[in-house]
Amino acid sequence: MVFALWAAVFVFSLVSLLNLVLVVGVIRRLRDHTQRLDSLYERTGNPGPGLEAGEVAGEFEATTSEGETLSAAALGERTLIGFFSPSCAPCKELAPKFAELAAGRDGVIAVIAGFPEEMGDMQELLSPVAKIVSGDPDGGPLAKAFKVEAFPRVFLVDETRTVLAAGHTLDALDGVLTPARG
């Protein structure tokens, strides 16, 4: 009986040791893949996920959900622009914060990239505080003008289309965005 107990402990120990070795191997492999993916993303010469502060957006013309034509010439002194996709989890997190920041401001544009049947909740959330531009799944003409390749993305631009601040979160606007008029 004691022999069987010792054999069971020995087998259990071997299986546990094998499990530990495999877990360490998987963790190393995941770290390697993470580093490879990071290096692909940060590759020099690779275009970033959008314009950065100081760059100038291209010309654009788009139609809002209200049927209003929106062009680059219509940008105000400080226009807040947000790019969202209804199928993007970070976009769903950022959209309510963007709506809160946009409340009480003039010159706010929200671009919702996706198929019309997906846009309902996001459009409902953002339409009271922003002009909504429904883009193709790639974001449409505004996304091309601002070179947006990844969602979410927020910009603060001036009337000359010069980007004052840009980022994937609202933290990028800290210190640049003036308080809303109450």
N, C-alpha and C. Protein backbone atom coordinates (compact mmCIF):
# COMPACT_ATOMS: atom_id res chain seq x y z
N MET A 1 0.82 -1.19 0.00
CA MET A 1 0.00 0.00 0.00
C MET A 1 0.87 1.26 0.00
N VAL A 2 1.93 1.26 0.80
CA VAL A 2 2.83 2.40 0.86
C VAL A 2 3.54 2.58 -0.48
N PHE A 3 3.89 1.45 -1.11
CA PHE A 3 4.53 1.52 -2.41
C PHE A 3 3.61 2.20 -3.43
N ALA A 4 2.35 1.86 -3.44
CA ALA A 4 1.39 2.47 -4.37
C ALA A 4 1.26 3.97 -4.10
N LEU A 5 1.26 4.37 -2.85
CA LEU A 5 1.16 5.78 -2.49
C LEU A 5 2.39 6.54 -2.97
N TRP A 6 3.59 5.95 -2.76
CA TRP A 6 4.81 6.59 -3.23
C TRP A 6 4.83 6.67 -4.77
N ALA A 7 4.36 5.66 -5.41
CA ALA A 7 4.30 5.66 -6.89
C ALA A 7 3.35 6.76 -7.38
N ALA A 8 2.20 6.90 -6.72
CA ALA A 8 1.24 7.94 -7.10
C ALA A 8 1.84 9.33 -6.90
N VAL A 9 2.55 9.55 -5.79
CA VAL A 9 3.20 10.84 -5.54
C VAL A 9 4.27 11.10 -6.59
N PHE A 10 5.03 10.09 -6.94
CA PHE A 10 6.07 10.22 -7.94
C PHE A 10 5.48 10.58 -9.30
N VAL A 11 4.43 9.90 -9.73
CA VAL A 11 3.78 10.17 -11.02
C VAL A 11 3.18 11.58 -11.01
N PHE A 12 2.53 11.92 -9.92
CA PHE A 12 1.94 13.25 -9.79
C PHE A 12 3.02 14.33 -9.87
N SER A 13 4.15 14.10 -9.25
CA SER A 13 5.26 15.06 -9.28
C SER A 13 5.81 15.21 -10.70
N LEU A 14 5.96 14.09 -11.42
CA LEU A 14 6.43 14.16 -12.80
C LEU A 14 5.45 14.92 -13.70
N VAL A 15 4.17 14.65 -13.55
CA VAL A 15 3.16 15.35 -14.35
C VAL A 15 3.17 16.84 -14.03
N SER A 16 3.31 17.20 -12.75
CA SER A 16 3.36 18.60 -12.35
C SER A 16 4.60 19.29 -12.91
N LEU A 17 5.73 18.62 -12.88
CA LEU A 17 6.96 19.17 -13.42
C LEU A 17 6.84 19.37 -14.93
N LEU A 18 6.28 18.39 -15.63
CA LEU A 18 6.06 18.51 -17.07
C LEU A 18 5.12 19.68 -17.37
N ASN A 19 4.07 19.83 -16.59
CA ASN A 19 3.13 20.93 -16.76
C ASN A 19 3.84 22.27 -16.58
N LEU A 20 4.68 22.39 -15.57
CA LEU A 20 5.43 23.61 -15.31
C LEU A 20 6.34 23.95 -16.48
N VAL A 21 7.05 22.96 -17.00
CA VAL A 21 7.94 23.18 -18.14
C VAL A 21 7.14 23.66 -19.36
N LEU A 22 6.00 23.05 -19.62
CA LEU A 22 5.17 23.46 -20.75
C LEU A 22 4.64 24.88 -20.57
N VAL A 23 4.21 25.23 -19.38
CA VAL A 23 3.70 26.59 -19.13
C VAL A 23 4.80 27.61 -19.33
N VAL A 24 5.99 27.35 -18.84
CA VAL A 24 7.12 28.27 -19.05
C VAL A 24 7.41 28.41 -20.54
N GLY A 25 7.36 27.32 -21.27
CA GLY A 25 7.58 27.37 -22.73
C GLY A 25 6.53 28.20 -23.44
N VAL A 26 5.28 28.05 -23.05
CA VAL A 26 4.19 28.82 -23.66
C VAL A 26 4.37 30.31 -23.35
N ILE A 27 4.71 30.64 -22.13
CA ILE A 27 4.91 32.04 -21.74
C ILE A 27 6.06 32.66 -22.55
N ARG A 28 7.15 31.93 -22.70
CA ARG A 28 8.27 32.44 -23.51
C ARG A 28 7.84 32.67 -24.95
N ARG A 29 7.09 31.74 -25.47
CA ARG A 29 6.62 31.86 -26.86
C ARG A 29 5.69 33.07 -27.03
N LEU A 30 4.81 33.29 -26.08
CA LEU A 30 3.91 34.44 -26.13
C LEU A 30 4.69 35.76 -26.05
N ARG A 31 5.71 35.80 -25.21
CA ARG A 31 6.54 37.01 -25.13
C ARG A 31 7.23 37.27 -26.45
N ASP A 32 7.75 36.20 -27.07
CA ASP A 32 8.41 36.34 -28.36
C ASP A 32 7.45 36.88 -29.41
N HIS A 33 6.24 36.35 -29.45
CA HIS A 33 5.24 36.82 -30.42
C HIS A 33 4.84 38.26 -30.14
N THR A 34 4.72 38.62 -28.88
CA THR A 34 4.38 39.99 -28.53
C THR A 34 5.46 40.95 -29.00
N GLN A 35 6.72 40.60 -28.80
CA GLN A 35 7.81 41.45 -29.26
C GLN A 35 7.81 41.56 -30.78
N ARG A 36 7.54 40.47 -31.45
CA ARG A 36 7.49 40.51 -32.92
C ARG A 36 6.36 41.40 -33.41
N LEU A 37 5.20 41.30 -32.79
CA LEU A 37 4.07 42.14 -33.19
C LEU A 37 4.34 43.60 -32.89
N ASP A 38 4.95 43.88 -31.74
CA ASP A 38 5.30 45.26 -31.41
C ASP A 38 6.29 45.84 -32.41
N SER A 39 7.27 45.04 -32.80
CA SER A 39 8.26 45.54 -33.76
C SER A 39 7.62 45.78 -35.13
N LEU A 40 6.66 44.98 -35.50
CA LEU A 40 5.96 45.23 -36.76
C LEU A 40 5.19 46.53 -36.71
N TYR A 41 4.55 46.80 -35.58
CA TYR A 41 3.75 48.01 -35.42
C TYR A 41 4.61 49.26 -35.39
N GLU A 42 5.79 49.16 -34.76
CA GLU A 42 6.65 50.33 -34.59
C GLU A 42 7.73 50.43 -35.65
N ARG A 43 7.61 49.65 -36.69
CA ARG A 43 8.61 49.65 -37.77
C ARG A 43 8.82 51.05 -38.32
N THR A 44 10.04 51.43 -38.58
CA THR A 44 10.29 52.74 -39.18
C THR A 44 9.82 52.70 -40.62
N GLY A 45 9.31 53.81 -41.07
CA GLY A 45 8.78 53.89 -42.42
C GLY A 45 7.34 53.41 -42.52
N ASN A 46 6.81 52.82 -41.48
CA ASN A 46 5.42 52.37 -41.48
C ASN A 46 4.54 53.55 -41.10
N PRO A 47 3.53 53.86 -41.88
CA PRO A 47 2.68 54.99 -41.52
C PRO A 47 1.98 54.75 -40.19
N GLY A 48 1.90 55.79 -39.40
CA GLY A 48 1.24 55.70 -38.11
C GLY A 48 -0.26 55.56 -38.27
N PRO A 49 -0.95 55.39 -37.16
CA PRO A 49 -2.40 55.19 -37.24
C PRO A 49 -3.17 56.48 -37.43
N GLY A 50 -2.53 57.55 -37.83
CA GLY A 50 -3.21 58.82 -38.07
C GLY A 50 -2.22 59.96 -37.99
N LEU A 51 -2.70 61.15 -38.33
CA LEU A 51 -1.85 62.34 -38.25
C LEU A 51 -1.46 62.60 -36.80
N GLU A 52 -0.34 63.25 -36.61
CA GLU A 52 0.14 63.63 -35.29
C GLU A 52 0.09 65.15 -35.16
N ALA A 53 0.28 65.65 -33.95
CA ALA A 53 0.26 67.09 -33.70
C ALA A 53 1.26 67.80 -34.60
N GLY A 54 0.80 68.91 -35.19
CA GLY A 54 1.63 69.70 -36.09
C GLY A 54 1.42 69.39 -37.55
N GLU A 55 0.86 68.22 -37.87
CA GLU A 55 0.61 67.87 -39.27
C GLU A 55 -0.71 68.48 -39.72
N VAL A 56 -0.86 68.62 -41.02
CA VAL A 56 -2.06 69.24 -41.59
C VAL A 56 -2.89 68.17 -42.30
N ALA A 57 -4.18 68.15 -41.98
CA ALA A 57 -5.10 67.19 -42.60
C ALA A 57 -5.37 67.58 -44.04
N GLY A 58 -5.70 66.60 -44.83
CA GLY A 58 -6.03 66.84 -46.22
C GLY A 58 -7.42 67.44 -46.38
N GLU A 59 -7.73 67.84 -47.57
CA GLU A 59 -9.07 68.36 -47.89
C GLU A 59 -10.07 67.22 -47.80
N PHE A 60 -11.30 67.54 -47.44
CA PHE A 60 -12.35 66.53 -47.39
C PHE A 60 -13.70 67.17 -47.59
N GLU A 61 -14.65 66.35 -47.97
CA GLU A 61 -16.05 66.76 -48.05
C GLU A 61 -16.87 65.53 -47.71
N ALA A 62 -17.76 65.69 -46.74
CA ALA A 62 -18.59 64.57 -46.29
C ALA A 62 -19.98 65.09 -45.96
N THR A 63 -20.91 64.16 -45.86
CA THR A 63 -22.29 64.51 -45.52
C THR A 63 -22.60 63.99 -44.13
N THR A 64 -23.19 64.86 -43.31
CA THR A 64 -23.56 64.46 -41.95
C THR A 64 -24.86 63.66 -41.99
N SER A 65 -25.21 63.06 -40.87
CA SER A 65 -26.45 62.29 -40.80
C SER A 65 -27.68 63.19 -40.96
N GLU A 66 -27.50 64.49 -40.76
CA GLU A 66 -28.59 65.47 -40.94
C GLU A 66 -28.69 65.94 -42.39
N GLY A 67 -27.78 65.47 -43.26
CA GLY A 67 -27.78 65.85 -44.67
C GLY A 67 -26.97 67.10 -44.96
N GLU A 68 -26.28 67.64 -43.96
CA GLU A 68 -25.45 68.83 -44.11
C GLU A 68 -24.11 68.43 -44.73
N THR A 69 -23.63 69.26 -45.67
CA THR A 69 -22.32 69.01 -46.27
C THR A 69 -21.26 69.62 -45.37
N LEU A 70 -20.29 68.81 -45.05
CA LEU A 70 -19.22 69.21 -44.15
C LEU A 70 -17.92 69.18 -44.94
N SER A 71 -17.19 70.30 -44.94
CA SER A 71 -15.93 70.34 -45.68
C SER A 71 -14.82 70.86 -44.78
N ALA A 72 -13.61 70.76 -45.26
CA ALA A 72 -12.46 71.22 -44.50
C ALA A 72 -12.56 72.71 -44.21
N ALA A 73 -13.18 73.47 -45.10
CA ALA A 73 -13.31 74.91 -44.91
C ALA A 73 -14.24 75.25 -43.75
N ALA A 74 -15.07 74.30 -43.33
CA ALA A 74 -16.04 74.56 -42.26
C ALA A 74 -15.47 74.34 -40.86
N LEU A 75 -14.21 73.94 -40.76
CA LEU A 75 -13.62 73.70 -39.45
C LEU A 75 -13.47 75.01 -38.70
N GLY A 76 -13.80 74.97 -37.40
CA GLY A 76 -13.70 76.16 -36.57
C GLY A 76 -12.33 76.32 -35.96
N GLU A 77 -12.23 77.28 -35.04
CA GLU A 77 -10.96 77.60 -34.39
C GLU A 77 -10.37 76.39 -33.67
N ARG A 78 -11.21 75.65 -32.96
CA ARG A 78 -10.78 74.41 -32.29
C ARG A 78 -11.88 73.38 -32.47
N THR A 79 -11.70 72.51 -33.42
CA THR A 79 -12.70 71.49 -33.71
C THR A 79 -12.24 70.16 -33.13
N LEU A 80 -13.12 69.53 -32.39
CA LEU A 80 -12.86 68.22 -31.79
C LEU A 80 -13.44 67.16 -32.73
N ILE A 81 -12.62 66.22 -33.15
CA ILE A 81 -13.06 65.18 -34.09
C ILE A 81 -12.73 63.82 -33.49
N GLY A 82 -13.72 62.94 -33.46
CA GLY A 82 -13.52 61.59 -32.95
C GLY A 82 -13.87 60.56 -34.01
N PHE A 83 -13.08 59.53 -34.13
CA PHE A 83 -13.32 58.44 -35.07
C PHE A 83 -13.61 57.18 -34.27
N PHE A 84 -14.75 56.56 -34.57
CA PHE A 84 -15.21 55.39 -33.82
C PHE A 84 -15.71 54.33 -34.78
N SER A 85 -15.71 53.10 -34.29
CA SER A 85 -16.30 51.98 -35.03
C SER A 85 -17.17 51.20 -34.05
N PRO A 86 -18.42 50.92 -34.41
CA PRO A 86 -19.31 50.21 -33.50
C PRO A 86 -18.84 48.80 -33.15
N SER A 87 -17.99 48.21 -33.96
CA SER A 87 -17.51 46.85 -33.69
C SER A 87 -16.21 46.83 -32.89
N CYS A 88 -15.77 47.99 -32.43
CA CYS A 88 -14.49 48.12 -31.73
C CYS A 88 -14.74 48.32 -30.24
N ALA A 89 -14.22 47.40 -29.41
CA ALA A 89 -14.44 47.48 -27.96
C ALA A 89 -13.86 48.76 -27.35
N PRO A 90 -12.62 49.17 -27.69
CA PRO A 90 -12.12 50.44 -27.13
C PRO A 90 -12.97 51.64 -27.55
N CYS A 91 -13.56 51.58 -28.75
CA CYS A 91 -14.43 52.66 -29.21
C CYS A 91 -15.67 52.75 -28.33
N LYS A 92 -16.23 51.60 -27.98
CA LYS A 92 -17.42 51.58 -27.13
C LYS A 92 -17.12 52.14 -25.75
N GLU A 93 -15.88 51.95 -25.27
CA GLU A 93 -15.47 52.52 -23.99
C GLU A 93 -15.24 54.02 -24.09
N LEU A 94 -14.65 54.47 -25.19
CA LEU A 94 -14.28 55.88 -25.34
C LEU A 94 -15.47 56.76 -25.72
N ALA A 95 -16.43 56.24 -26.45
CA ALA A 95 -17.54 57.05 -26.95
C ALA A 95 -18.29 57.81 -25.84
N PRO A 96 -18.66 57.19 -24.72
CA PRO A 96 -19.35 57.97 -23.67
C PRO A 96 -18.47 59.08 -23.08
N LYS A 97 -17.18 58.84 -22.94
CA LYS A 97 -16.26 59.86 -22.44
C LYS A 97 -16.14 61.00 -23.44
N PHE A 98 -16.09 60.65 -24.72
CA PHE A 98 -16.03 61.66 -25.78
C PHE A 98 -17.30 62.49 -25.76
N ALA A 99 -18.45 61.85 -25.61
CA ALA A 99 -19.73 62.56 -25.57
C ALA A 99 -19.77 63.52 -24.38
N GLU A 100 -19.25 63.08 -23.24
CA GLU A 100 -19.20 63.93 -22.05
C GLU A 100 -18.30 65.14 -22.29
N LEU A 101 -17.14 64.92 -22.91
CA LEU A 101 -16.21 66.00 -23.22
C LEU A 101 -16.81 66.96 -24.25
N ALA A 102 -17.55 66.43 -25.21
CA ALA A 102 -18.11 67.24 -26.29
C ALA A 102 -19.33 68.05 -25.86
N ALA A 103 -19.98 67.65 -24.78
CA ALA A 103 -21.19 68.35 -24.33
C ALA A 103 -20.88 69.82 -24.07
N GLY A 104 -21.70 70.69 -24.62
CA GLY A 104 -21.54 72.13 -24.43
C GLY A 104 -20.52 72.78 -25.33
N ARG A 105 -19.98 72.07 -26.25
CA ARG A 105 -18.97 72.62 -27.16
C ARG A 105 -19.57 72.81 -28.56
N ASP A 106 -19.03 73.79 -29.24
CA ASP A 106 -19.33 73.96 -30.66
C ASP A 106 -18.22 73.27 -31.44
N GLY A 107 -18.50 72.90 -32.65
CA GLY A 107 -17.45 72.33 -33.51
C GLY A 107 -16.99 70.96 -33.08
N VAL A 108 -17.91 70.04 -32.94
CA VAL A 108 -17.55 68.67 -32.62
C VAL A 108 -18.06 67.77 -33.74
N ILE A 109 -17.19 66.90 -34.22
CA ILE A 109 -17.54 65.97 -35.30
C ILE A 109 -17.22 64.57 -34.81
N ALA A 110 -18.15 63.66 -35.02
CA ALA A 110 -17.93 62.24 -34.71
C ALA A 110 -18.09 61.44 -35.99
N VAL A 111 -17.06 60.71 -36.35
CA VAL A 111 -17.11 59.84 -37.53
C VAL A 111 -17.33 58.42 -37.03
N ILE A 112 -18.40 57.82 -37.49
CA ILE A 112 -18.71 56.44 -37.10
C ILE A 112 -18.50 55.57 -38.33
N ALA A 113 -17.47 54.75 -38.28
CA ALA A 113 -17.10 53.91 -39.41
C ALA A 113 -17.72 52.54 -39.24
N GLY A 114 -18.51 52.13 -40.20
CA GLY A 114 -19.13 50.82 -40.12
C GLY A 114 -20.32 50.73 -41.05
N PHE A 115 -21.03 49.64 -40.93
CA PHE A 115 -22.22 49.44 -41.73
C PHE A 115 -23.41 50.10 -41.03
N PRO A 116 -24.36 50.64 -41.78
CA PRO A 116 -25.48 51.37 -41.18
C PRO A 116 -26.24 50.60 -40.10
N GLU A 117 -26.40 49.30 -40.26
CA GLU A 117 -27.16 48.53 -39.27
C GLU A 117 -26.43 48.38 -37.94
N GLU A 118 -25.12 48.70 -37.89
CA GLU A 118 -24.34 48.58 -36.67
C GLU A 118 -24.31 49.88 -35.85
N MET A 119 -24.63 51.01 -36.46
CA MET A 119 -24.35 52.32 -35.89
C MET A 119 -25.35 52.83 -34.87
N GLY A 120 -26.49 52.19 -34.71
CA GLY A 120 -27.58 52.70 -33.89
C GLY A 120 -27.20 53.24 -32.53
N ASP A 121 -26.65 52.42 -31.65
CA ASP A 121 -26.35 52.84 -30.28
C ASP A 121 -25.32 53.96 -30.23
N MET A 122 -24.27 53.83 -31.02
CA MET A 122 -23.21 54.83 -31.00
C MET A 122 -23.71 56.15 -31.58
N GLN A 123 -24.49 56.07 -32.64
CA GLN A 123 -25.03 57.30 -33.24
C GLN A 123 -26.00 57.98 -32.27
N GLU A 124 -26.79 57.19 -31.57
CA GLU A 124 -27.73 57.72 -30.58
C GLU A 124 -26.99 58.42 -29.44
N LEU A 125 -25.87 57.87 -29.03
CA LEU A 125 -25.07 58.45 -27.95
C LEU A 125 -24.40 59.76 -28.37
N LEU A 126 -23.86 59.80 -29.58
CA LEU A 126 -23.05 60.94 -30.00
C LEU A 126 -23.82 62.04 -30.73
N SER A 127 -24.96 61.74 -31.31
CA SER A 127 -25.67 62.75 -32.10
C SER A 127 -26.13 63.98 -31.30
N PRO A 128 -26.45 63.89 -30.01
CA PRO A 128 -26.82 65.13 -29.30
C PRO A 128 -25.66 66.11 -29.10
N VAL A 129 -24.42 65.65 -29.19
CA VAL A 129 -23.28 66.51 -28.88
C VAL A 129 -22.35 66.75 -30.06
N ALA A 130 -22.59 66.07 -31.18
CA ALA A 130 -21.67 66.18 -32.32
C ALA A 130 -22.40 66.04 -33.63
N LYS A 131 -21.78 66.58 -34.69
CA LYS A 131 -22.25 66.32 -36.04
C LYS A 131 -21.75 64.92 -36.39
N ILE A 132 -22.66 64.05 -36.79
CA ILE A 132 -22.31 62.67 -37.08
C ILE A 132 -22.05 62.50 -38.57
N VAL A 133 -20.91 61.93 -38.87
CA VAL A 133 -20.58 61.55 -40.24
C VAL A 133 -20.47 60.04 -40.24
N SER A 134 -21.35 59.40 -40.98
CA SER A 134 -21.31 57.95 -41.09
C SER A 134 -20.40 57.60 -42.25
N GLY A 135 -19.34 56.90 -41.93
CA GLY A 135 -18.38 56.55 -42.96
C GLY A 135 -18.52 55.11 -43.38
N ASP A 136 -17.82 54.79 -44.43
CA ASP A 136 -17.69 53.40 -44.84
C ASP A 136 -16.99 52.67 -43.71
N PRO A 137 -16.90 51.35 -43.79
CA PRO A 137 -16.16 50.63 -42.76
C PRO A 137 -14.72 51.14 -42.56
N ASP A 138 -14.16 51.80 -43.58
CA ASP A 138 -12.80 52.35 -43.42
C ASP A 138 -12.80 53.78 -42.90
N GLY A 139 -13.97 54.40 -42.69
CA GLY A 139 -14.05 55.74 -42.13
C GLY A 139 -14.39 56.84 -43.12
N GLY A 140 -14.35 56.55 -44.40
CA GLY A 140 -14.75 57.54 -45.39
C GLY A 140 -13.74 58.65 -45.62
N PRO A 141 -14.21 59.78 -46.18
CA PRO A 141 -13.30 60.87 -46.58
C PRO A 141 -12.56 61.53 -45.41
N LEU A 142 -13.19 61.63 -44.24
CA LEU A 142 -12.49 62.24 -43.11
C LEU A 142 -11.35 61.34 -42.63
N ALA A 143 -11.58 60.04 -42.61
CA ALA A 143 -10.52 59.12 -42.20
C ALA A 143 -9.34 59.20 -43.17
N LYS A 144 -9.62 59.37 -44.44
CA LYS A 144 -8.54 59.51 -45.42
C LYS A 144 -7.80 60.82 -45.20
N ALA A 145 -8.53 61.90 -44.94
CA ALA A 145 -7.91 63.20 -44.73
C ALA A 145 -7.02 63.22 -43.49
N PHE A 146 -7.42 62.48 -42.45
CA PHE A 146 -6.66 62.44 -41.20
C PHE A 146 -5.77 61.19 -41.10
N LYS A 147 -5.73 60.41 -42.17
CA LYS A 147 -4.90 59.19 -42.25
C LYS A 147 -5.17 58.23 -41.09
N VAL A 148 -6.43 58.09 -40.75
CA VAL A 148 -6.82 57.20 -39.65
C VAL A 148 -6.82 55.77 -40.14
N GLU A 149 -6.04 54.93 -39.48
CA GLU A 149 -5.96 53.52 -39.84
C GLU A 149 -6.43 52.61 -38.71
N ALA A 150 -6.63 53.19 -37.52
CA ALA A 150 -7.03 52.40 -36.36
C ALA A 150 -8.02 53.21 -35.53
N PHE A 151 -8.98 52.54 -34.97
CA PHE A 151 -10.01 53.19 -34.16
C PHE A 151 -9.86 52.78 -32.71
N PRO A 152 -10.23 53.58 -31.76
CA PRO A 152 -10.69 54.96 -31.85
C PRO A 152 -9.52 55.90 -32.06
N ARG A 153 -9.82 57.09 -32.49
CA ARG A 153 -8.81 58.13 -32.69
C ARG A 153 -9.50 59.47 -32.46
N VAL A 154 -8.85 60.37 -31.73
CA VAL A 154 -9.41 61.70 -31.48
C VAL A 154 -8.40 62.76 -31.92
N PHE A 155 -8.93 63.86 -32.44
CA PHE A 155 -8.10 64.96 -32.91
C PHE A 155 -8.69 66.27 -32.41
N LEU A 156 -7.82 67.22 -32.17
CA LEU A 156 -8.21 68.61 -31.98
C LEU A 156 -7.50 69.37 -33.07
N VAL A 157 -8.26 70.04 -33.94
CA VAL A 157 -7.68 70.75 -35.08
C VAL A 157 -8.11 72.20 -35.07
N ASP A 158 -7.33 73.04 -35.75
CA ASP A 158 -7.71 74.44 -35.87
C ASP A 158 -8.32 74.68 -37.24
N GLU A 159 -8.65 75.93 -37.52
CA GLU A 159 -9.34 76.26 -38.77
C GLU A 159 -8.48 76.04 -40.01
N THR A 160 -7.17 75.90 -39.86
CA THR A 160 -6.29 75.64 -41.00
C THR A 160 -6.06 74.15 -41.21
N ARG A 161 -6.79 73.29 -40.47
CA ARG A 161 -6.69 71.84 -40.51
C ARG A 161 -5.41 71.32 -39.87
N THR A 162 -4.71 72.18 -39.13
CA THR A 162 -3.51 71.76 -38.42
C THR A 162 -3.91 71.02 -37.16
N VAL A 163 -3.34 69.85 -36.97
CA VAL A 163 -3.65 69.03 -35.80
C VAL A 163 -2.95 69.62 -34.58
N LEU A 164 -3.73 69.98 -33.56
CA LEU A 164 -3.18 70.51 -32.32
C LEU A 164 -2.87 69.39 -31.34
N ALA A 165 -3.67 68.34 -31.37
CA ALA A 165 -3.46 67.17 -30.50
C ALA A 165 -4.13 65.97 -31.15
N ALA A 166 -3.56 64.79 -30.91
CA ALA A 166 -4.12 63.57 -31.49
C ALA A 166 -3.75 62.38 -30.61
N GLY A 167 -4.63 61.38 -30.60
CA GLY A 167 -4.33 60.17 -29.85
C GLY A 167 -5.46 59.17 -29.91
N HIS A 168 -5.23 58.03 -29.26
CA HIS A 168 -6.24 56.98 -29.19
C HIS A 168 -7.11 57.11 -27.95
N THR A 169 -6.73 58.03 -27.05
CA THR A 169 -7.51 58.28 -25.85
C THR A 169 -7.68 59.78 -25.68
N LEU A 170 -8.53 60.17 -24.75
CA LEU A 170 -8.74 61.59 -24.50
C LEU A 170 -7.57 62.20 -23.73
N ASP A 171 -6.69 61.38 -23.19
CA ASP A 171 -5.51 61.89 -22.49
C ASP A 171 -4.64 62.74 -23.43
N ALA A 172 -4.70 62.45 -24.72
CA ALA A 172 -3.91 63.19 -25.69
C ALA A 172 -4.34 64.65 -25.76
N LEU A 173 -5.56 64.95 -25.32
CA LEU A 173 -6.08 66.32 -25.40
C LEU A 173 -5.82 67.12 -24.13
N ASP A 174 -5.30 66.48 -23.09
CA ASP A 174 -5.04 67.17 -21.82
C ASP A 174 -4.11 68.35 -22.05
N GLY A 175 -4.47 69.49 -21.49
CA GLY A 175 -3.64 70.68 -21.58
C GLY A 175 -3.79 71.44 -22.87
N VAL A 176 -4.47 70.89 -23.85
CA VAL A 176 -4.63 71.55 -25.14
C VAL A 176 -6.07 72.02 -25.33
N LEU A 177 -7.00 71.28 -24.77
CA LEU A 177 -8.42 71.57 -24.94
C LEU A 177 -8.89 72.53 -23.85
N THR A 178 -9.48 73.63 -24.28
CA THR A 178 -10.00 74.61 -23.32
C THR A 178 -11.31 74.10 -22.72
N PRO A 179 -11.67 74.53 -21.51
CA PRO A 179 -12.92 74.09 -20.89
C PRO A 179 -14.13 74.46 -21.74
N ALA A 180 -15.16 73.62 -21.67
CA ALA A 180 -16.39 73.88 -22.43
C ALA A 180 -17.11 75.09 -21.88
N ARG A 181 -17.81 75.78 -22.79
CA ARG A 181 -18.64 76.90 -22.35
C ARG A 181 -19.89 76.37 -21.69
N GLY A 182 -20.21 76.90 -20.52
CA GLY A 182 -21.37 76.41 -19.79
C GLY A 182 -22.55 77.20 -20.04
